[in-house]
Amino acid sequence: NEYIWIYVKDLDNCDEDAIDEALNEIGFCLDDLIRDNHSDCPE
């Protein structure tokens, strides 16, 4: 399995669209990467 970590701060719709578009270009979907468990995220 391959993993991509994306850390976003104060994500708004414009940023989300830009990230989603960039991920789609490399074959990923933002919805597939979003997880509710943020315990592993750095402070």
PDB file of N, CA and C in Angstrom:
ATOM      1  N   ASN A   1       0.841  -1.202   0.000  1.00  0.00           N
ATOM      2  CA  ASN A   1       0.000   0.000   0.000  1.00  0.00           C
ATOM      3  C   ASN A   1       0.870   1.244   0.000  1.00  0.00           C
ATOM      4  N   GLU A   2       0.398   2.252  -0.708  1.00  0.00           N
ATOM      5  CA  GLU A   2       1.087   3.532  -0.704  1.00  0.00           C
ATOM      6  C   GLU A   2       0.214   4.541   0.018  1.00  0.00           C
ATOM      7  N   TYR A   3       0.868   5.419   0.748  1.00  0.00           N
ATOM      8  CA  TYR A   3       0.132   6.404   1.522  1.00  0.00           C
ATOM      9  C   TYR A   3       0.598   7.804   1.168  1.00  0.00           C
ATOM     10  N   ILE A   4      -0.339   8.717   1.183  1.00  0.00           N
ATOM     11  CA  ILE A   4      -0.008  10.129   0.983  1.00  0.00           C
ATOM     12  C   ILE A   4      -0.550  10.880   2.185  1.00  0.00           C
ATOM     13  N   TRP A   5       0.323  11.657   2.812  1.00  0.00           N
ATOM     14  CA  TRP A   5      -0.112  12.506   3.918  1.00  0.00           C
ATOM     15  C   TRP A   5      -0.240  13.928   3.409  1.00  0.00           C
ATOM     16  N   ILE A   6      -1.405  14.497   3.620  1.00  0.00           N
ATOM     17  CA  ILE A   6      -1.621  15.891   3.239  1.00  0.00           C
ATOM     18  C   ILE A   6      -2.063  16.634   4.490  1.00  0.00           C
ATOM     19  N   TYR A   7      -1.258  17.590   4.890  1.00  0.00           N
ATOM     20  CA  TYR A   7      -1.605  18.392   6.052  1.00  0.00           C
ATOM     21  C   TYR A   7      -2.128  19.735   5.572  1.00  0.00           C
ATOM     22  N   VAL A   8      -3.335  20.058   5.991  1.00  0.00           N
ATOM     23  CA  VAL A   8      -3.927  21.330   5.585  1.00  0.00           C
ATOM     24  C   VAL A   8      -4.364  22.088   6.820  1.00  0.00           C
ATOM     25  N   LYS A   9      -4.191  23.385   6.768  1.00  0.00           N
ATOM     26  CA  LYS A   9      -4.602  24.245   7.865  1.00  0.00           C
ATOM     27  C   LYS A   9      -5.582  25.264   7.309  1.00  0.00           C
ATOM     28  N   ASP A  10      -6.717  25.400   7.975  1.00  0.00           N
ATOM     29  CA  ASP A  10      -7.734  26.346   7.540  1.00  0.00           C
ATOM     30  C   ASP A  10      -8.136  26.094   6.091  1.00  0.00           C
ATOM     31  N   LEU A  11      -8.451  24.833   5.799  1.00  0.00           N
ATOM     32  CA  LEU A  11      -8.834  24.451   4.439  1.00  0.00           C
ATOM     33  C   LEU A  11     -10.163  25.097   4.070  1.00  0.00           C
ATOM     34  N   ASP A  12     -10.165  25.825   2.962  1.00  0.00           N
ATOM     35  CA  ASP A  12     -11.424  26.370   2.472  1.00  0.00           C
ATOM     36  C   ASP A  12     -11.739  25.734   1.127  1.00  0.00           C
ATOM     37  N   ASN A  13     -12.899  26.047   0.576  1.00  0.00           N
ATOM     38  CA  ASN A  13     -13.354  25.381  -0.641  1.00  0.00           C
ATOM     39  C   ASN A  13     -12.394  25.570  -1.802  1.00  0.00           C
ATOM     40  N   CYS A  14     -11.805  26.748  -1.914  1.00  0.00           N
ATOM     41  CA  CYS A  14     -10.878  27.019  -3.011  1.00  0.00           C
ATOM     42  C   CYS A  14      -9.664  26.106  -2.899  1.00  0.00           C
ATOM     43  N   ASP A  15      -9.099  26.014  -1.713  1.00  0.00           N
ATOM     44  CA  ASP A  15      -7.933  25.159  -1.491  1.00  0.00           C
ATOM     45  C   ASP A  15      -8.279  23.696  -1.727  1.00  0.00           C
ATOM     46  N   GLU A  16      -9.450  23.291  -1.263  1.00  0.00           N
ATOM     47  CA  GLU A  16      -9.856  21.897  -1.411  1.00  0.00           C
ATOM     48  C   GLU A  16      -9.987  21.533  -2.883  1.00  0.00           C
ATOM     49  N   ASP A  17     -10.575  22.430  -3.667  1.00  0.00           N
ATOM     50  CA  ASP A  17     -10.722  22.176  -5.103  1.00  0.00           C
ATOM     51  C   ASP A  17      -9.366  22.053  -5.777  1.00  0.00           C
ATOM     52  N   ALA A  18      -8.437  22.922  -5.391  1.00  0.00           N
ATOM     53  CA  ALA A  18      -7.104  22.899  -5.996  1.00  0.00           C
ATOM     54  C   ALA A  18      -6.370  21.608  -5.640  1.00  0.00           C
ATOM     55  N   ILE A  19      -6.473  21.189  -4.389  1.00  0.00           N
ATOM     56  CA  ILE A  19      -5.836  19.952  -3.948  1.00  0.00           C
ATOM     57  C   ILE A  19      -6.472  18.755  -4.649  1.00  0.00           C
ATOM     58  N   ASP A  20      -7.800  18.758  -4.730  1.00  0.00           N
ATOM     59  CA  ASP A  20      -8.515  17.657  -5.369  1.00  0.00           C
ATOM     60  C   ASP A  20      -8.120  17.534  -6.835  1.00  0.00           C
ATOM     61  N   GLU A  21      -8.017  18.667  -7.505  1.00  0.00           N
ATOM     62  CA  GLU A  21      -7.643  18.652  -8.923  1.00  0.00           C
ATOM     63  C   GLU A  21      -6.224  18.118  -9.109  1.00  0.00           C
ATOM     64  N   ALA A  22      -5.317  18.556  -8.245  1.00  0.00           N
ATOM     65  CA  ALA A  22      -3.932  18.093  -8.334  1.00  0.00           C
ATOM     66  C   ALA A  22      -3.843  16.588  -8.074  1.00  0.00           C
ATOM     67  N   LEU A  23      -4.601  16.106  -7.089  1.00  0.00           N
ATOM     68  CA  LEU A  23      -4.596  14.677  -6.786  1.00  0.00           C
ATOM     69  C   LEU A  23      -5.179  13.867  -7.931  1.00  0.00           C
ATOM     70  N   ASN A  24      -6.237  14.383  -8.550  1.00  0.00           N
ATOM     71  CA  ASN A  24      -6.857  13.667  -9.663  1.00  0.00           C
ATOM     72  C   ASN A  24      -5.878  13.481 -10.809  1.00  0.00           C
ATOM     73  N   GLU A  25      -4.995  14.450 -10.990  1.00  0.00           N
ATOM     74  CA  GLU A  25      -4.014  14.374 -12.070  1.00  0.00           C
ATOM     75  C   GLU A  25      -3.027  13.227 -11.859  1.00  0.00           C
ATOM     76  N   ILE A  26      -2.791  12.851 -10.596  1.00  0.00           N
ATOM     77  CA  ILE A  26      -1.867  11.743 -10.322  1.00  0.00           C
ATOM     78  C   ILE A  26      -2.616  10.478  -9.921  1.00  0.00           C
ATOM     79  N   GLY A  27      -3.936  10.503 -10.104  1.00  0.00           N
ATOM     80  CA  GLY A  27      -4.722   9.291  -9.922  1.00  0.00           C
ATOM     81  C   GLY A  27      -5.247   9.044  -8.525  1.00  0.00           C
ATOM     82  N   PHE A  28      -5.365  10.089  -7.734  1.00  0.00           N
ATOM     83  CA  PHE A  28      -5.920   9.949  -6.399  1.00  0.00           C
ATOM     84  C   PHE A  28      -7.188  10.777  -6.266  1.00  0.00           C
ATOM     85  N   CYS A  29      -7.979  10.434  -5.280  1.00  0.00           N
ATOM     86  CA  CYS A  29      -9.189  11.199  -5.004  1.00  0.00           C
ATOM     87  C   CYS A  29      -9.123  11.710  -3.569  1.00  0.00           C
ATOM     88  N   LEU A  30      -9.398  12.989  -3.391  1.00  0.00           N
ATOM     89  CA  LEU A  30      -9.304  13.590  -2.064  1.00  0.00           C
ATOM     90  C   LEU A  30     -10.209  12.869  -1.069  1.00  0.00           C
ATOM     91  N   ASP A  31     -11.425  12.503  -1.506  1.00  0.00           N
ATOM     92  CA  ASP A  31     -12.358  11.829  -0.607  1.00  0.00           C
ATOM     93  C   ASP A  31     -11.801  10.501  -0.103  1.00  0.00           C
ATOM     94  N   ASP A  32     -11.024   9.819  -0.948  1.00  0.00           N
ATOM     95  CA  ASP A  32     -10.438   8.543  -0.548  1.00  0.00           C
ATOM     96  C   ASP A  32      -9.350   8.726   0.504  1.00  0.00           C
ATOM     97  N   LEU A  33      -8.755   9.913   0.543  1.00  0.00           N
ATOM     98  CA  LEU A  33      -7.625  10.157   1.433  1.00  0.00           C
ATOM     99  C   LEU A  33      -8.043  10.747   2.776  1.00  0.00           C
ATOM    100  N   ILE A  34      -9.240  11.300   2.832  1.00  0.00           N
ATOM    101  CA  ILE A  34      -9.686  11.957   4.064  1.00  0.00           C
ATOM    102  C   ILE A  34     -10.045  10.907   5.115  1.00  0.00           C
ATOM    103  N   ARG A  35      -9.500  11.060   6.289  1.00  0.00           N
ATOM    104  CA  ARG A  35      -9.806  10.161   7.396  1.00  0.00           C
ATOM    105  C   ARG A  35     -10.210  11.007   8.600  1.00  0.00           C
ATOM    106  N   ASP A  36     -11.122  10.456   9.397  1.00  0.00           N
ATOM    107  CA  ASP A  36     -11.579  11.191  10.568  1.00  0.00           C
ATOM    108  C   ASP A  36     -10.606  11.088  11.734  1.00  0.00           C
ATOM    109  N   ASN A  37      -9.740  10.075  11.701  1.00  0.00           N
ATOM    110  CA  ASN A  37      -8.803   9.869  12.795  1.00  0.00           C
ATOM    111  C   ASN A  37      -7.541  10.693  12.553  1.00  0.00           C
ATOM    112  N   HIS A  38      -7.383  11.751  13.320  1.00  0.00           N
ATOM    113  CA  HIS A  38      -6.238  12.640  13.144  1.00  0.00           C
ATOM    114  C   HIS A  38      -5.200  12.459  14.242  1.00  0.00           C
ATOM    115  N   SER A  39      -5.259  11.331  14.941  1.00  0.00           N
ATOM    116  CA  SER A  39      -4.371  11.135  16.086  1.00  0.00           C
ATOM    117  C   SER A  39      -2.904  11.049  15.674  1.00  0.00           C
ATOM    118  N   ASP A  40      -2.642  10.690  14.409  1.00  0.00           N
ATOM    119  CA  ASP A  40      -1.262  10.569  13.957  1.00  0.00           C
ATOM    120  C   ASP A  40      -0.703  11.869  13.390  1.00  0.00           C
ATOM    121  N   CYS A  41      -1.554  12.889  13.288  1.00  0.00           N
ATOM    122  CA  CYS A  41      -1.100  14.154  12.719  1.00  0.00           C
ATOM    123  C   CYS A  41      -0.214  14.897  13.717  1.00  0.00           C
ATOM    124  N   PRO A  42       0.832  15.545  13.224  1.00  0.00           N
ATOM    125  CA  PRO A  42       1.657  16.357  14.122  1.00  0.00           C
ATOM    126  C   PRO A  42       0.888  17.578  14.589  1.00  0.00           C
ATOM    127  N   GLU A  43       1.298  18.096  15.708  1.00  0.00           N
ATOM    128  CA  GLU A  43       0.619  19.279  16.251  1.00  0.00           C
ATOM    129  C   GLU A  43       0.874  20.490  15.373  1.00  0.00           C
TER     130      GLU A  43
END
